[in-house]
Amino acid sequence: MAPSSALPTLYSFRRCPYAMRARLGLLAASQTVELREVSLKSKPQELLALSPKATVPVLDFPGSEPIEQSLQIMLWPLDKNDPQGLLQPANSTLDTMLQLIERNDGPFKTHLDRYKYPNRYEPVGSVDHRAEGFKFLTELSELLTSQQFLFGSTPSLADLAIFPFVRQFAGVDREWFEQTAPQKLRDWLAYWLATNSFVMTMHKYTPWQRGDTTVLFPIPEAAHEV
Protein backbone atom coordinates (compact mmCIF):
# COMPACT_ATOMS: atom_id res chain seq x y z
CA MET A 1 0.00 0.00 0.00
CA ALA A 2 1.20 3.50 -0.79
CA PRO A 3 2.03 5.78 2.12
CA SER A 4 -1.03 7.61 3.40
CA SER A 5 0.54 10.94 2.39
CA ALA A 6 0.32 9.81 -1.27
CA LEU A 7 -3.32 8.77 -1.07
CA PRO A 8 -6.26 10.91 -2.15
CA THR A 9 -8.16 12.53 0.70
CA LEU A 10 -11.95 12.20 0.86
CA TYR A 11 -13.90 14.83 2.76
CA SER A 12 -17.15 13.12 3.64
CA PHE A 13 -20.24 13.25 5.85
CA ARG A 14 -21.71 9.96 6.96
CA ARG A 15 -25.41 10.66 6.38
CA CYS A 16 -25.16 12.62 3.12
CA PRO A 17 -26.45 10.44 0.24
CA TYR A 18 -23.95 12.00 -2.17
CA ALA A 19 -21.09 11.12 0.19
CA MET A 20 -22.56 7.64 0.70
CA ARG A 21 -22.42 6.83 -2.97
CA ALA A 22 -18.92 8.24 -3.29
CA ARG A 23 -17.75 5.90 -0.53
CA LEU A 24 -19.62 3.00 -2.14
CA GLY A 25 -17.83 3.60 -5.43
CA LEU A 26 -14.42 3.77 -3.79
CA LEU A 27 -15.18 0.61 -1.86
CA ALA A 28 -16.36 -1.28 -4.96
CA ALA A 29 -13.11 -0.37 -6.73
CA SER A 30 -10.97 -1.21 -3.67
CA GLN A 31 -9.55 2.32 -3.80
CA THR A 32 -7.99 3.36 -0.50
CA VAL A 33 -8.30 7.00 0.55
CA GLU A 34 -7.62 9.05 3.63
CA LEU A 35 -11.05 9.74 5.09
CA ARG A 36 -11.85 13.02 6.79
CA GLU A 37 -15.32 13.06 8.31
CA VAL A 38 -16.73 16.59 8.24
CA SER A 39 -18.91 18.30 10.81
CA LEU A 40 -21.33 20.41 8.77
CA LYS A 41 -21.62 22.86 11.66
CA SER A 42 -17.86 23.39 11.80
CA LYS A 43 -16.31 22.68 8.41
CA PRO A 44 -12.52 22.47 8.44
CA GLN A 45 -10.59 25.29 6.81
CA GLU A 46 -8.82 22.73 4.62
CA LEU A 47 -12.14 21.87 2.96
CA LEU A 48 -13.18 25.51 2.61
CA ALA A 49 -9.86 26.35 0.95
CA LEU A 50 -10.07 23.35 -1.33
CA SER A 51 -13.65 23.74 -2.56
CA PRO A 52 -15.51 27.05 -2.78
CA LYS A 53 -18.86 25.22 -2.69
CA ALA A 54 -17.84 23.77 0.70
CA THR A 55 -20.09 20.74 0.36
CA VAL A 56 -19.21 17.07 0.62
CA PRO A 57 -17.99 14.86 -0.85
CA VAL A 58 -14.71 16.24 -2.19
CA LEU A 59 -11.81 14.03 -3.23
CA ASP A 60 -8.44 15.78 -3.03
CA PHE A 61 -5.36 14.53 -4.85
CA PRO A 62 -1.74 15.38 -3.95
CA GLY A 63 -0.60 17.95 -6.50
CA SER A 64 -3.74 17.70 -8.66
CA GLU A 65 -7.22 19.18 -9.01
CA PRO A 66 -9.86 17.84 -6.61
CA ILE A 67 -13.04 16.08 -7.70
CA GLU A 68 -16.07 17.86 -6.29
CA GLN A 69 -18.94 15.79 -7.74
CA SER A 70 -19.99 12.53 -6.11
CA LEU A 71 -20.71 10.71 -9.36
CA GLN A 72 -17.28 11.62 -10.71
CA ILE A 73 -15.73 10.34 -7.48
CA MET A 74 -17.47 7.01 -8.17
CA LEU A 75 -16.34 6.87 -11.79
CA TRP A 76 -12.70 7.77 -11.13
CA PRO A 77 -11.71 4.49 -9.41
CA LEU A 78 -14.19 2.30 -11.29
CA ASP A 79 -12.72 3.38 -14.62
CA LYS A 80 -9.46 1.83 -13.41
CA ASN A 81 -10.77 -1.15 -11.47
CA ASP A 82 -14.30 -2.49 -11.83
CA PRO A 83 -14.13 -6.15 -10.75
CA GLN A 84 -17.91 -6.50 -10.50
CA GLY A 85 -18.68 -4.90 -13.85
CA LEU A 86 -20.70 -2.05 -12.35
CA LEU A 87 -20.10 0.06 -15.44
CA GLN A 88 -21.15 -2.72 -17.82
CA PRO A 89 -24.52 -4.14 -16.72
CA ALA A 90 -26.14 -6.84 -18.84
CA ASN A 91 -29.23 -4.85 -19.80
CA SER A 92 -27.95 -1.31 -20.23
CA THR A 93 -25.17 1.03 -21.23
CA LEU A 94 -23.23 3.56 -19.21
CA ASP A 95 -25.02 6.39 -21.01
CA THR A 96 -28.44 4.98 -20.10
CA MET A 97 -27.41 4.59 -16.46
CA LEU A 98 -26.09 8.15 -16.38
CA GLN A 99 -29.40 9.43 -17.75
CA LEU A 100 -31.31 7.69 -14.96
CA ILE A 101 -28.87 8.97 -12.34
CA GLU A 102 -29.25 12.49 -13.75
CA ARG A 103 -32.99 12.31 -13.23
CA ASN A 104 -32.42 11.03 -9.69
CA ASP A 105 -30.07 13.93 -8.98
CA GLY A 106 -32.33 16.48 -10.66
CA PRO A 107 -36.14 16.26 -10.48
CA PHE A 108 -36.30 13.47 -7.89
CA LYS A 109 -33.82 15.14 -5.52
CA THR A 110 -35.72 18.42 -5.86
CA HIS A 111 -38.95 16.76 -4.72
CA LEU A 112 -37.13 14.72 -2.06
CA ASP A 113 -35.65 17.84 -0.46
CA ARG A 114 -39.01 19.60 -0.37
CA TYR A 115 -40.75 16.51 0.98
CA LYS A 116 -38.16 16.00 3.71
CA TYR A 117 -37.69 19.68 4.61
CA PRO A 118 -40.97 21.40 3.64
CA ASN A 119 -40.40 24.55 5.69
CA ARG A 120 -37.08 25.33 4.02
CA TYR A 121 -38.66 26.10 0.68
CA GLU A 122 -41.25 28.54 -0.63
CA PRO A 123 -44.05 28.38 -1.43
CA VAL A 124 -44.85 25.72 1.14
CA GLY A 125 -47.50 23.18 0.13
CA SER A 126 -47.95 24.36 -3.45
CA VAL A 127 -46.85 20.98 -4.83
CA ASP A 128 -47.31 17.49 -3.38
CA HIS A 129 -43.62 16.68 -3.47
CA ARG A 130 -44.08 13.22 -1.98
CA ALA A 131 -46.41 12.28 -4.83
CA GLU A 132 -44.12 13.80 -7.44
CA GLY A 133 -41.05 12.05 -6.05
CA PHE A 134 -42.96 8.80 -5.84
CA LYS A 135 -43.42 8.83 -9.62
CA PHE A 136 -39.67 8.26 -10.00
CA LEU A 137 -39.79 5.43 -7.46
CA THR A 138 -42.59 3.82 -9.47
CA GLU A 139 -40.36 3.95 -12.54
CA LEU A 140 -37.55 2.27 -10.60
CA SER A 141 -39.99 -0.43 -9.49
CA GLU A 142 -40.95 -1.07 -13.11
CA LEU A 143 -37.27 -1.65 -13.94
CA LEU A 144 -37.19 -4.20 -11.11
CA THR A 145 -40.26 -6.12 -12.29
CA SER A 146 -38.32 -8.91 -13.98
CA GLN A 147 -34.84 -8.49 -12.52
CA GLN A 148 -33.20 -8.10 -9.11
CA PHE A 149 -31.33 -4.91 -9.93
CA LEU A 150 -32.09 -1.84 -12.01
CA PHE A 151 -30.33 -3.06 -15.15
CA GLY A 152 -30.02 -6.81 -14.83
CA SER A 153 -29.30 -9.71 -12.52
CA THR A 154 -26.17 -8.09 -11.10
CA PRO A 155 -25.58 -4.69 -9.45
CA SER A 156 -24.66 -1.66 -11.52
CA LEU A 157 -23.42 1.88 -11.05
CA ALA A 158 -27.04 3.03 -11.13
CA ASP A 159 -28.02 0.88 -8.15
CA LEU A 160 -25.16 2.20 -6.04
CA ALA A 161 -25.69 5.81 -7.10
CA ILE A 162 -29.46 5.89 -6.55
CA PHE A 163 -30.30 3.74 -3.54
CA PRO A 164 -28.93 6.20 -0.91
CA PHE A 165 -31.53 8.72 -2.11
CA VAL A 166 -34.35 6.17 -2.07
CA ARG A 167 -33.26 5.34 1.47
CA GLN A 168 -33.61 9.00 2.40
CA PHE A 169 -37.05 9.24 0.81
CA ALA A 170 -38.21 6.09 2.62
CA GLY A 171 -36.98 7.43 5.95
CA VAL A 172 -39.15 10.56 5.91
CA ASP A 173 -42.26 8.51 6.70
CA ARG A 174 -41.24 4.87 7.04
CA GLU A 175 -44.76 3.59 7.77
CA TRP A 176 -46.22 5.29 4.70
CA PHE A 177 -43.38 4.00 2.52
CA GLU A 178 -43.78 0.42 3.71
CA GLN A 179 -47.52 0.55 3.06
CA THR A 180 -47.35 2.33 -0.30
CA ALA A 181 -44.12 1.54 -2.14
CA PRO A 182 -44.18 -1.43 -4.54
CA GLN A 183 -42.85 -4.66 -3.05
CA LYS A 184 -40.09 -4.94 -5.66
CA LEU A 185 -38.74 -1.54 -4.71
CA ARG A 186 -38.90 -2.30 -0.99
CA ASP A 187 -37.08 -5.59 -1.55
CA TRP A 188 -34.41 -3.83 -3.61
CA LEU A 189 -33.85 -1.19 -0.94
CA ALA A 190 -33.80 -3.80 1.83
CA TYR A 191 -31.17 -5.77 -0.07
CA TRP A 192 -28.84 -2.78 -0.26
CA LEU A 193 -29.33 -1.76 3.35
CA ALA A 194 -28.28 -5.27 4.44
CA THR A 195 -25.10 -5.47 2.36
CA ASN A 196 -21.61 -5.43 3.87
CA SER A 197 -20.91 -2.52 1.55
CA PHE A 198 -23.50 -0.32 3.19
CA VAL A 199 -22.50 -1.36 6.70
CA MET A 200 -18.86 -0.51 5.95
CA THR A 201 -19.65 2.84 4.35
CA MET A 202 -21.84 3.83 7.31
CA HIS A 203 -19.19 3.23 9.96
CA LYS A 204 -19.16 6.16 12.40
CA TYR A 205 -16.09 8.36 12.54
CA THR A 206 -15.27 11.31 14.75
CA PRO A 207 -15.19 14.58 12.78
CA TRP A 208 -11.66 15.23 11.56
CA GLN A 209 -9.44 17.93 13.03
CA ARG A 210 -5.96 18.94 12.02
CA GLY A 211 -3.41 16.76 13.77
CA ASP A 212 -5.67 13.71 14.05
CA THR A 213 -4.35 10.26 13.26
CA THR A 214 -4.88 9.28 9.62
CA VAL A 215 -8.03 7.25 9.00
CA LEU A 216 -8.05 4.99 5.95
CA PHE A 217 -11.14 4.00 3.99
CA PRO A 218 -11.99 1.27 3.29
CA ILE A 219 -10.56 -0.45 6.33
CA PRO A 220 -7.34 -2.15 5.13
CA GLU A 221 -7.67 -5.82 4.23
CA ALA A 222 -11.44 -5.74 4.66
CA ALA A 223 -13.26 -8.20 2.44
CA HIS A 224 -15.98 -6.72 0.27
CA GLU A 225 -18.74 -7.68 -2.11
CA VAL A 226 -21.71 -5.56 -3.15
C-alpha atoms as a PDB file:
ATOM      1  CA  MET A   1       0.000   0.000   0.000  1.00  0.00           C
ATOM      2  CA  ALA A   2       1.204   3.499  -0.794  1.00  0.00           C
ATOM      3  CA  PRO A   3       2.028   5.777   2.122  1.00  0.00           C
ATOM      4  CA  SER A   4      -1.030   7.611   3.397  1.00  0.00           C
ATOM      5  CA  SER A   5       0.538  10.937   2.389  1.00  0.00           C
ATOM      6  CA  ALA A   6       0.318   9.814  -1.271  1.00  0.00           C
ATOM      7  CA  LEU A   7      -3.317   8.773  -1.067  1.00  0.00           C
ATOM      8  CA  PRO A   8      -6.264  10.908  -2.153  1.00  0.00           C
ATOM      9  CA  THR A   9      -8.160  12.530   0.703  1.00  0.00           C
ATOM     10  CA  LEU A  10     -11.948  12.201   0.858  1.00  0.00           C
ATOM     11  CA  TYR A  11     -13.899  14.834   2.758  1.00  0.00           C
ATOM     12  CA  SER A  12     -17.154  13.122   3.643  1.00  0.00           C
ATOM     13  CA  PHE A  13     -20.236  13.254   5.852  1.00  0.00           C
ATOM     14  CA  ARG A  14     -21.706   9.957   6.960  1.00  0.00           C
ATOM     15  CA  ARG A  15     -25.409  10.659   6.381  1.00  0.00           C
ATOM     16  CA  CYS A  16     -25.156  12.620   3.119  1.00  0.00           C
ATOM     17  CA  PRO A  17     -26.453  10.440   0.237  1.00  0.00           C
ATOM     18  CA  TYR A  18     -23.949  11.999  -2.166  1.00  0.00           C
ATOM     19  CA  ALA A  19     -21.095  11.119   0.187  1.00  0.00           C
ATOM     20  CA  MET A  20     -22.557   7.641   0.700  1.00  0.00           C
ATOM     21  CA  ARG A  21     -22.417   6.830  -2.969  1.00  0.00           C
ATOM     22  CA  ALA A  22     -18.921   8.243  -3.289  1.00  0.00           C
ATOM     23  CA  ARG A  23     -17.748   5.903  -0.528  1.00  0.00           C
ATOM     24  CA  LEU A  24     -19.617   2.999  -2.136  1.00  0.00           C
ATOM     25  CA  GLY A  25     -17.826   3.602  -5.428  1.00  0.00           C
ATOM     26  CA  LEU A  26     -14.420   3.772  -3.793  1.00  0.00           C
ATOM     27  CA  LEU A  27     -15.175   0.608  -1.857  1.00  0.00           C
ATOM     28  CA  ALA A  28     -16.359  -1.280  -4.959  1.00  0.00           C
ATOM     29  CA  ALA A  29     -13.105  -0.366  -6.729  1.00  0.00           C
ATOM     30  CA  SER A  30     -10.967  -1.205  -3.674  1.00  0.00           C
ATOM     31  CA  GLN A  31      -9.555   2.324  -3.805  1.00  0.00           C
ATOM     32  CA  THR A  32      -7.995   3.364  -0.500  1.00  0.00           C
ATOM     33  CA  VAL A  33      -8.299   7.003   0.548  1.00  0.00           C
ATOM     34  CA  GLU A  34      -7.616   9.050   3.626  1.00  0.00           C
ATOM     35  CA  LEU A  35     -11.052   9.736   5.090  1.00  0.00           C
ATOM     36  CA  ARG A  36     -11.850  13.025   6.789  1.00  0.00           C
ATOM     37  CA  GLU A  37     -15.321  13.060   8.306  1.00  0.00           C
ATOM     38  CA  VAL A  38     -16.730  16.590   8.243  1.00  0.00           C
ATOM     39  CA  SER A  39     -18.914  18.298  10.813  1.00  0.00           C
ATOM     40  CA  LEU A  40     -21.332  20.406   8.767  1.00  0.00           C
ATOM     41  CA  LYS A  41     -21.616  22.858  11.655  1.00  0.00           C
ATOM     42  CA  SER A  42     -17.857  23.387  11.798  1.00  0.00           C
ATOM     43  CA  LYS A  43     -16.313  22.684   8.413  1.00  0.00           C
ATOM     44  CA  PRO A  44     -12.515  22.468   8.436  1.00  0.00           C
ATOM     45  CA  GLN A  45     -10.586  25.294   6.808  1.00  0.00           C
ATOM     46  CA  GLU A  46      -8.820  22.733   4.621  1.00  0.00           C
ATOM     47  CA  LEU A  47     -12.143  21.874   2.960  1.00  0.00           C
ATOM     48  CA  LEU A  48     -13.182  25.513   2.610  1.00  0.00           C
ATOM     49  CA  ALA A  49      -9.865  26.351   0.950  1.00  0.00           C
ATOM     50  CA  LEU A  50     -10.075  23.351  -1.333  1.00  0.00           C
ATOM     51  CA  SER A  51     -13.648  23.742  -2.560  1.00  0.00           C
ATOM     52  CA  PRO A  52     -15.514  27.055  -2.780  1.00  0.00           C
ATOM     53  CA  LYS A  53     -18.863  25.218  -2.686  1.00  0.00           C
ATOM     54  CA  ALA A  54     -17.835  23.768   0.696  1.00  0.00           C
ATOM     55  CA  THR A  55     -20.092  20.742   0.357  1.00  0.00           C
ATOM     56  CA  VAL A  56     -19.215  17.065   0.619  1.00  0.00           C
ATOM     57  CA  PRO A  57     -17.986  14.863  -0.851  1.00  0.00           C
ATOM     58  CA  VAL A  58     -14.715  16.238  -2.189  1.00  0.00           C
ATOM     59  CA  LEU A  59     -11.808  14.033  -3.226  1.00  0.00           C
ATOM     60  CA  ASP A  60      -8.438  15.783  -3.026  1.00  0.00           C
ATOM     61  CA  PHE A  61      -5.356  14.533  -4.846  1.00  0.00           C
ATOM     62  CA  PRO A  62      -1.744  15.379  -3.954  1.00  0.00           C
ATOM     63  CA  GLY A  63      -0.595  17.955  -6.501  1.00  0.00           C
ATOM     64  CA  SER A  64      -3.735  17.702  -8.656  1.00  0.00           C
ATOM     65  CA  GLU A  65      -7.217  19.178  -9.006  1.00  0.00           C
ATOM     66  CA  PRO A  66      -9.858  17.836  -6.606  1.00  0.00           C
ATOM     67  CA  ILE A  67     -13.035  16.078  -7.704  1.00  0.00           C
ATOM     68  CA  GLU A  68     -16.070  17.856  -6.291  1.00  0.00           C
ATOM     69  CA  GLN A  69     -18.938  15.794  -7.738  1.00  0.00           C
ATOM     70  CA  SER A  70     -19.990  12.525  -6.107  1.00  0.00           C
ATOM     71  CA  LEU A  71     -20.706  10.708  -9.361  1.00  0.00           C
ATOM     72  CA  GLN A  72     -17.279  11.615 -10.710  1.00  0.00           C
ATOM     73  CA  ILE A  73     -15.733  10.340  -7.478  1.00  0.00           C
ATOM     74  CA  MET A  74     -17.468   7.006  -8.167  1.00  0.00           C
ATOM     75  CA  LEU A  75     -16.342   6.865 -11.789  1.00  0.00           C
ATOM     76  CA  TRP A  76     -12.698   7.774 -11.134  1.00  0.00           C
ATOM     77  CA  PRO A  77     -11.712   4.494  -9.410  1.00  0.00           C
ATOM     78  CA  LEU A  78     -14.195   2.301 -11.293  1.00  0.00           C
ATOM     79  CA  ASP A  79     -12.724   3.383 -14.617  1.00  0.00           C
ATOM     80  CA  LYS A  80      -9.462   1.834 -13.409  1.00  0.00           C
ATOM     81  CA  ASN A  81     -10.769  -1.153 -11.465  1.00  0.00           C
ATOM     82  CA  ASP A  82     -14.302  -2.492 -11.835  1.00  0.00           C
ATOM     83  CA  PRO A  83     -14.128  -6.147 -10.752  1.00  0.00           C
ATOM     84  CA  GLN A  84     -17.908  -6.504 -10.503  1.00  0.00           C
ATOM     85  CA  GLY A  85     -18.683  -4.904 -13.852  1.00  0.00           C
ATOM     86  CA  LEU A  86     -20.695  -2.054 -12.348  1.00  0.00           C
ATOM     87  CA  LEU A  87     -20.099   0.061 -15.443  1.00  0.00           C
ATOM     88  CA  GLN A  88     -21.154  -2.720 -17.825  1.00  0.00           C
ATOM     89  CA  PRO A  89     -24.520  -4.141 -16.717  1.00  0.00           C
ATOM     90  CA  ALA A  90     -26.139  -6.842 -18.840  1.00  0.00           C
ATOM     91  CA  ASN A  91     -29.234  -4.852 -19.798  1.00  0.00           C
ATOM     92  CA  SER A  92     -27.953  -1.308 -20.230  1.00  0.00           C
ATOM     93  CA  THR A  93     -25.168   1.026 -21.234  1.00  0.00           C
ATOM     94  CA  LEU A  94     -23.231   3.555 -19.209  1.00  0.00           C
ATOM     95  CA  ASP A  95     -25.023   6.388 -21.014  1.00  0.00           C
ATOM     96  CA  THR A  96     -28.444   4.980 -20.097  1.00  0.00           C
ATOM     97  CA  MET A  97     -27.410   4.589 -16.464  1.00  0.00           C
ATOM     98  CA  LEU A  98     -26.089   8.148 -16.376  1.00  0.00           C
ATOM     99  CA  GLN A  99     -29.400   9.435 -17.751  1.00  0.00           C
ATOM    100  CA  LEU A 100     -31.310   7.686 -14.958  1.00  0.00           C
ATOM    101  CA  ILE A 101     -28.869   8.967 -12.342  1.00  0.00           C
ATOM    102  CA  GLU A 102     -29.245  12.489 -13.746  1.00  0.00           C
ATOM    103  CA  ARG A 103     -32.995  12.309 -13.227  1.00  0.00           C
ATOM    104  CA  ASN A 104     -32.423  11.033  -9.689  1.00  0.00           C
ATOM    105  CA  ASP A 105     -30.071  13.927  -8.978  1.00  0.00           C
ATOM    106  CA  GLY A 106     -32.327  16.485 -10.664  1.00  0.00           C
ATOM    107  CA  PRO A 107     -36.142  16.259 -10.481  1.00  0.00           C
ATOM    108  CA  PHE A 108     -36.305  13.471  -7.893  1.00  0.00           C
ATOM    109  CA  LYS A 109     -33.818  15.139  -5.520  1.00  0.00           C
ATOM    110  CA  THR A 110     -35.717  18.420  -5.857  1.00  0.00           C
ATOM    111  CA  HIS A 111     -38.945  16.762  -4.717  1.00  0.00           C
ATOM    112  CA  LEU A 112     -37.129  14.719  -2.056  1.00  0.00           C
ATOM    113  CA  ASP A 113     -35.653  17.843  -0.456  1.00  0.00           C
ATOM    114  CA  ARG A 114     -39.012  19.600  -0.373  1.00  0.00           C
ATOM    115  CA  TYR A 115     -40.750  16.506   0.978  1.00  0.00           C
ATOM    116  CA  LYS A 116     -38.157  15.997   3.712  1.00  0.00           C
ATOM    117  CA  TYR A 117     -37.686  19.681   4.612  1.00  0.00           C
ATOM    118  CA  PRO A 118     -40.973  21.397   3.638  1.00  0.00           C
ATOM    119  CA  ASN A 119     -40.400  24.548   5.688  1.00  0.00           C
ATOM    120  CA  ARG A 120     -37.078  25.330   4.025  1.00  0.00           C
ATOM    121  CA  TYR A 121     -38.665  26.097   0.676  1.00  0.00           C
ATOM    122  CA  GLU A 122     -41.255  28.541  -0.629  1.00  0.00           C
ATOM    123  CA  PRO A 123     -44.048  28.380  -1.433  1.00  0.00           C
ATOM    124  CA  VAL A 124     -44.855  25.715   1.144  1.00  0.00           C
ATOM    125  CA  GLY A 125     -47.498  23.184   0.131  1.00  0.00           C
ATOM    126  CA  SER A 126     -47.953  24.358  -3.455  1.00  0.00           C
ATOM    127  CA  VAL A 127     -46.853  20.975  -4.825  1.00  0.00           C
ATOM    128  CA  ASP A 128     -47.309  17.492  -3.378  1.00  0.00           C
ATOM    129  CA  HIS A 129     -43.618  16.675  -3.473  1.00  0.00           C
ATOM    130  CA  ARG A 130     -44.077  13.219  -1.979  1.00  0.00           C
ATOM    131  CA  ALA A 131     -46.410  12.278  -4.830  1.00  0.00           C
ATOM    132  CA  GLU A 132     -44.118  13.800  -7.441  1.00  0.00           C
ATOM    133  CA  GLY A 133     -41.052  12.046  -6.047  1.00  0.00           C
ATOM    134  CA  PHE A 134     -42.961   8.799  -5.840  1.00  0.00           C
ATOM    135  CA  LYS A 135     -43.416   8.828  -9.618  1.00  0.00           C
ATOM    136  CA  PHE A 136     -39.675   8.255  -9.997  1.00  0.00           C
ATOM    137  CA  LEU A 137     -39.785   5.428  -7.464  1.00  0.00           C
ATOM    138  CA  THR A 138     -42.586   3.815  -9.471  1.00  0.00           C
ATOM    139  CA  GLU A 139     -40.362   3.955 -12.535  1.00  0.00           C
ATOM    140  CA  LEU A 140     -37.554   2.275 -10.604  1.00  0.00           C
ATOM    141  CA  SER A 141     -39.988  -0.425  -9.494  1.00  0.00           C
ATOM    142  CA  GLU A 142     -40.950  -1.068 -13.115  1.00  0.00           C
ATOM    143  CA  LEU A 143     -37.270  -1.654 -13.939  1.00  0.00           C
ATOM    144  CA  LEU A 144     -37.191  -4.203 -11.114  1.00  0.00           C
ATOM    145  CA  THR A 145     -40.258  -6.116 -12.294  1.00  0.00           C
ATOM    146  CA  SER A 146     -38.318  -8.915 -13.982  1.00  0.00           C
ATOM    147  CA  GLN A 147     -34.838  -8.493 -12.523  1.00  0.00           C
ATOM    148  CA  GLN A 148     -33.204  -8.100  -9.113  1.00  0.00           C
ATOM    149  CA  PHE A 149     -31.326  -4.907  -9.929  1.00  0.00           C
ATOM    150  CA  LEU A 150     -32.090  -1.845 -12.010  1.00  0.00           C
ATOM    151  CA  PHE A 151     -30.331  -3.063 -15.148  1.00  0.00           C
ATOM    152  CA  GLY A 152     -30.016  -6.811 -14.828  1.00  0.00           C
ATOM    153  CA  SER A 153     -29.298  -9.709 -12.524  1.00  0.00           C
ATOM    154  CA  THR A 154     -26.170  -8.093 -11.103  1.00  0.00           C
ATOM    155  CA  PRO A 155     -25.579  -4.694  -9.451  1.00  0.00           C
ATOM    156  CA  SER A 156     -24.659  -1.665 -11.522  1.00  0.00           C
ATOM    157  CA  LEU A 157     -23.421   1.878 -11.045  1.00  0.00           C
ATOM    158  CA  ALA A 158     -27.045   3.032 -11.128  1.00  0.00           C
ATOM    159  CA  ASP A 159     -28.022   0.876  -8.146  1.00  0.00           C
ATOM    160  CA  LEU A 160     -25.159   2.204  -6.035  1.00  0.00           C
ATOM    161  CA  ALA A 161     -25.695   5.811  -7.098  1.00  0.00           C
ATOM    162  CA  ILE A 162     -29.461   5.892  -6.554  1.00  0.00           C
ATOM    163  CA  PHE A 163     -30.300   3.741  -3.541  1.00  0.00           C
ATOM    164  CA  PRO A 164     -28.934   6.200  -0.906  1.00  0.00           C
ATOM    165  CA  PHE A 165     -31.533   8.724  -2.113  1.00  0.00           C
ATOM    166  CA  VAL A 166     -34.353   6.167  -2.069  1.00  0.00           C
ATOM    167  CA  ARG A 167     -33.260   5.337   1.475  1.00  0.00           C
ATOM    168  CA  GLN A 168     -33.605   9.001   2.404  1.00  0.00           C
ATOM    169  CA  PHE A 169     -37.052   9.236   0.814  1.00  0.00           C
ATOM    170  CA  ALA A 170     -38.206   6.087   2.618  1.00  0.00           C
ATOM    171  CA  GLY A 171     -36.979   7.425   5.952  1.00  0.00           C
ATOM    172  CA  VAL A 172     -39.145  10.556   5.907  1.00  0.00           C
ATOM    173  CA  ASP A 173     -42.264   8.506   6.699  1.00  0.00           C
ATOM    174  CA  ARG A 174     -41.240   4.873   7.037  1.00  0.00           C
ATOM    175  CA  GLU A 175     -44.761   3.595   7.774  1.00  0.00           C
ATOM    176  CA  TRP A 176     -46.216   5.295   4.697  1.00  0.00           C
ATOM    177  CA  PHE A 177     -43.376   3.997   2.525  1.00  0.00           C
ATOM    178  CA  GLU A 178     -43.781   0.418   3.710  1.00  0.00           C
ATOM    179  CA  GLN A 179     -47.523   0.547   3.063  1.00  0.00           C
ATOM    180  CA  THR A 180     -47.346   2.332  -0.296  1.00  0.00           C
ATOM    181  CA  ALA A 181     -44.123   1.540  -2.145  1.00  0.00           C
ATOM    182  CA  PRO A 182     -44.179  -1.433  -4.536  1.00  0.00           C
ATOM    183  CA  GLN A 183     -42.850  -4.658  -3.049  1.00  0.00           C
ATOM    184  CA  LYS A 184     -40.089  -4.936  -5.655  1.00  0.00           C
ATOM    185  CA  LEU A 185     -38.745  -1.535  -4.710  1.00  0.00           C
ATOM    186  CA  ARG A 186     -38.897  -2.297  -0.990  1.00  0.00           C
ATOM    187  CA  ASP A 187     -37.080  -5.590  -1.546  1.00  0.00           C
ATOM    188  CA  TRP A 188     -34.408  -3.832  -3.612  1.00  0.00           C
ATOM    189  CA  LEU A 189     -33.849  -1.194  -0.941  1.00  0.00           C
ATOM    190  CA  ALA A 190     -33.804  -3.802   1.833  1.00  0.00           C
ATOM    191  CA  TYR A 191     -31.167  -5.767  -0.067  1.00  0.00           C
ATOM    192  CA  TRP A 192     -28.837  -2.783  -0.264  1.00  0.00           C
ATOM    193  CA  LEU A 193     -29.327  -1.763   3.351  1.00  0.00           C
ATOM    194  CA  ALA A 194     -28.283  -5.273   4.440  1.00  0.00           C
ATOM    195  CA  THR A 195     -25.099  -5.467   2.356  1.00  0.00           C
ATOM    196  CA  ASN A 196     -21.615  -5.431   3.873  1.00  0.00           C
ATOM    197  CA  SER A 197     -20.907  -2.519   1.548  1.00  0.00           C
ATOM    198  CA  PHE A 198     -23.504  -0.316   3.188  1.00  0.00           C
ATOM    199  CA  VAL A 199     -22.501  -1.355   6.701  1.00  0.00           C
ATOM    200  CA  MET A 200     -18.864  -0.509   5.954  1.00  0.00           C
ATOM    201  CA  THR A 201     -19.651   2.840   4.353  1.00  0.00           C
ATOM    202  CA  MET A 202     -21.843   3.829   7.309  1.00  0.00           C
ATOM    203  CA  HIS A 203     -19.186   3.231   9.965  1.00  0.00           C
ATOM    204  CA  LYS A 204     -19.163   6.165  12.397  1.00  0.00           C
ATOM    205  CA  TYR A 205     -16.086   8.364  12.539  1.00  0.00           C
ATOM    206  CA  THR A 206     -15.272  11.315  14.754  1.00  0.00           C
ATOM    207  CA  PRO A 207     -15.195  14.576  12.781  1.00  0.00           C
ATOM    208  CA  TRP A 208     -11.662  15.227  11.563  1.00  0.00           C
ATOM    209  CA  GLN A 209      -9.440  17.925  13.028  1.00  0.00           C
ATOM    210  CA  ARG A 210      -5.958  18.944  12.018  1.00  0.00           C
ATOM    211  CA  GLY A 211      -3.405  16.763  13.773  1.00  0.00           C
ATOM    212  CA  ASP A 212      -5.675  13.715  14.050  1.00  0.00           C
ATOM    213  CA  THR A 213      -4.347  10.262  13.260  1.00  0.00           C
ATOM    214  CA  THR A 214      -4.877   9.278   9.625  1.00  0.00           C
ATOM    215  CA  VAL A 215      -8.028   7.245   9.002  1.00  0.00           C
ATOM    216  CA  LEU A 216      -8.051   4.985   5.952  1.00  0.00           C
ATOM    217  CA  PHE A 217     -11.144   4.001   3.992  1.00  0.00           C
ATOM    218  CA  PRO A 218     -11.988   1.271   3.287  1.00  0.00           C
ATOM    219  CA  ILE A 219     -10.561  -0.445   6.331  1.00  0.00           C
ATOM    220  CA  PRO A 220      -7.345  -2.146   5.127  1.00  0.00           C
ATOM    221  CA  GLU A 221      -7.665  -5.824   4.230  1.00  0.00           C
ATOM    222  CA  ALA A 222     -11.443  -5.744   4.664  1.00  0.00           C
ATOM    223  CA  ALA A 223     -13.263  -8.200   2.440  1.00  0.00           C
ATOM    224  CA  HIS A 224     -15.976  -6.722   0.267  1.00  0.00           C
ATOM    225  CA  GLU A 225     -18.743  -7.683  -2.112  1.00  0.00           C
ATOM    226  CA  VAL A 226     -21.705  -5.560  -3.150  1.00  0.00           C
END
